[in-house]
Each structure stands twice: as C-alpha cells, then as structure tokens.
Amino acid sequence: MMKRRVPVAVLVEREVYDLYLSLREEDDFKRAIVRGSGVLKNDMFAGEQIKKRQIPKYYVDKYGVNNLYRLRLDRARRCCYTIIADDDGVKVVVLEIFQNHKSYERRFGYKTS
C-alpha cells in the first residue's frame, strides 16, 4: 500500500475562492469542494496525474505548471490542482473547479455533444 503524502498546505486560486464564497452553505457543490479539500489535505496524490502532453495550454500559460492532477469531487464535478515545493515545504494549489462535466471537457479540449 502506498504511503499518503500530506502537504504543508492546500491553497486555492482567487477565482476558486471567490466561487466558493459565492455558494450557499447548503449547496451540494460547496460540500463537494469541502470534501475534496479534505481529501487533498490528507493525501496530495489522491487525484489522478495528467500526462504532461495532455496538460491544457491554458494551465501552462496562466500558471506555468509542469504537473497537473484532477480530483473527482462527485459524479460530474472535478477540480484541477498542481503541487509545488518551496522553502516551507510541499503545497497543493487548486487551480480550477468545474461545476459540471461539460465545462471540464471544454477545458481539456474533449469533444462534447
């Protein structure tokens, strides 16, 4: 069994934070975000690593990422995050949260019906 790797922090981009704040406490999406954050706090490798050649140019251009992971929050919702290291230790940075599978498919350039 693989050992869990706990980050020193789980951070979120401003747009993700603003979205989170805009949701009501009883919103299922907000609950999914909280659960996902808890999963990442316990194991930064809980998500599926995206192959370098499949990382959307959007993330490379906007954030300069060289690693990207996706985590299923529930049946249709996903979040994308990267892992960074600095003097304080290894951190998870949530870059984007998708409210539905269609927006996730668009970001990754998948054909949607």
Protein backbone atom coordinates (compact mmCIF):
# COMPACT_ATOMS: atom_id res chain seq x y z
CA MET A 1 0.00 0.00 0.00
CA MET A 2 1.30 3.45 -0.94
CA LYS A 3 2.02 5.86 1.86
CA ARG A 4 -0.09 9.02 1.92
CA ARG A 5 1.78 12.25 1.34
CA VAL A 6 0.46 15.15 3.40
CA PRO A 7 1.14 18.67 2.07
CA VAL A 8 2.03 21.55 4.39
CA ALA A 9 -0.93 23.49 2.94
CA VAL A 10 -3.77 23.36 0.45
CA LEU A 11 -4.13 26.71 -1.29
CA VAL A 12 -6.71 27.89 -3.83
CA GLU A 13 -6.52 30.38 -6.66
CA ARG A 14 -8.55 33.59 -6.20
CA GLU A 15 -11.23 32.57 -8.74
CA VAL A 16 -11.79 29.28 -6.91
CA TYR A 17 -12.01 31.08 -3.59
CA ASP A 18 -14.49 33.63 -4.97
CA LEU A 19 -16.65 30.82 -6.39
CA TYR A 20 -16.58 29.01 -3.04
CA LEU A 21 -17.63 32.16 -1.16
CA SER A 22 -20.50 32.74 -3.59
CA LEU A 23 -22.09 29.37 -2.78
CA ARG A 24 -24.63 28.88 -0.01
CA GLU A 25 -23.68 26.63 2.91
CA GLU A 26 -26.28 24.01 2.00
CA ASP A 27 -25.19 23.87 -1.67
CA ASP A 28 -24.08 20.37 -2.73
CA PHE A 29 -21.30 21.89 -4.80
CA LYS A 30 -19.88 23.70 -1.76
CA ARG A 31 -19.99 20.47 0.23
CA ALA A 32 -18.17 18.66 -2.59
CA ILE A 33 -15.45 21.34 -2.55
CA VAL A 34 -15.02 20.96 1.22
CA ARG A 35 -14.78 17.16 0.91
CA GLY A 36 -12.25 17.47 -1.92
CA SER A 37 -10.14 19.89 0.10
CA GLY A 38 -10.15 17.44 3.00
CA VAL A 39 -9.03 14.62 0.72
CA LEU A 40 -6.12 16.73 -0.56
CA LYS A 41 -5.11 17.78 2.96
CA ASN A 42 -4.72 14.09 3.81
CA ASP A 43 -3.08 12.96 0.58
CA MET A 44 -1.80 15.31 -2.11
CA PHE A 45 -1.60 12.43 -4.59
CA ALA A 46 -5.26 11.45 -4.19
CA GLY A 47 -6.04 12.79 -7.64
CA GLU A 48 -5.12 11.33 -10.98
CA GLN A 49 -1.96 12.76 -12.53
CA ILE A 50 -2.45 14.17 -16.00
CA LYS A 51 0.24 13.27 -18.51
CA LYS A 52 2.46 16.23 -19.38
CA ARG A 53 1.45 16.16 -23.05
CA GLN A 54 -2.23 16.32 -22.02
CA ILE A 55 -1.94 19.35 -19.72
CA PRO A 56 -4.04 22.09 -21.34
CA LYS A 57 -2.02 25.03 -22.62
CA TYR A 58 -4.28 27.25 -20.52
CA TYR A 59 -2.65 26.00 -17.29
CA VAL A 60 0.86 26.20 -18.67
CA ASP A 61 0.35 29.77 -19.92
CA LYS A 62 -1.62 31.11 -16.95
CA TYR A 63 0.13 29.33 -14.07
CA GLY A 64 3.37 27.96 -15.52
CA VAL A 65 2.57 24.47 -14.29
CA ASN A 66 4.65 21.42 -15.11
CA ASN A 67 2.43 18.99 -13.19
CA LEU A 68 -1.33 18.77 -13.03
CA TYR A 69 -3.76 16.49 -11.23
CA ARG A 70 -7.51 16.09 -11.39
CA LEU A 71 -9.66 15.04 -8.49
CA ARG A 72 -13.25 13.86 -8.79
CA LEU A 73 -15.38 15.78 -6.33
CA ASP A 74 -18.52 13.84 -7.20
CA ARG A 75 -20.08 12.20 -10.23
CA ALA A 76 -19.85 15.23 -12.54
CA ARG A 77 -17.59 17.75 -10.78
CA ARG A 78 -13.81 17.87 -10.89
CA CYS A 79 -11.01 20.05 -9.66
CA CYS A 80 -7.57 20.53 -11.14
CA TYR A 81 -4.58 21.17 -8.94
CA THR A 82 -0.82 21.34 -9.05
CA ILE A 83 1.83 20.50 -6.49
CA ILE A 84 4.59 22.99 -5.74
CA ALA A 85 7.58 22.97 -3.44
CA ASP A 86 9.17 25.97 -1.75
CA ASP A 87 11.17 26.70 1.40
CA ASP A 88 8.14 25.95 3.58
CA GLY A 89 7.53 22.51 2.06
CA VAL A 90 5.27 20.89 -0.50
CA LYS A 91 1.90 22.55 -1.17
CA VAL A 92 -1.20 21.79 -3.19
CA VAL A 93 -2.66 24.65 -5.23
CA VAL A 94 -6.20 24.19 -6.53
CA LEU A 95 -6.29 25.97 -9.87
CA GLU A 96 -9.81 25.38 -11.08
CA ILE A 97 -13.04 23.72 -10.03
CA PHE A 98 -15.54 22.58 -12.62
CA GLN A 99 -19.24 22.85 -11.77
CA ASN A 100 -20.17 20.33 -14.44
CA HIS A 101 -18.57 17.77 -16.67
CA LYS A 102 -19.21 19.80 -19.83
CA SER A 103 -17.00 22.70 -18.67
CA TYR A 104 -14.29 20.19 -17.70
CA GLU A 105 -14.48 18.61 -21.17
CA ARG A 106 -14.19 22.02 -22.84
CA ARG A 107 -11.09 22.95 -20.81
CA PHE A 108 -9.36 19.74 -21.84
CA GLY A 109 -10.44 20.01 -25.46
CA TYR A 110 -12.61 16.91 -25.43
CA LYS A 111 -15.43 16.71 -27.92
CA THR A 112 -18.76 17.44 -26.25
CA SER A 113 -22.12 16.52 -27.59
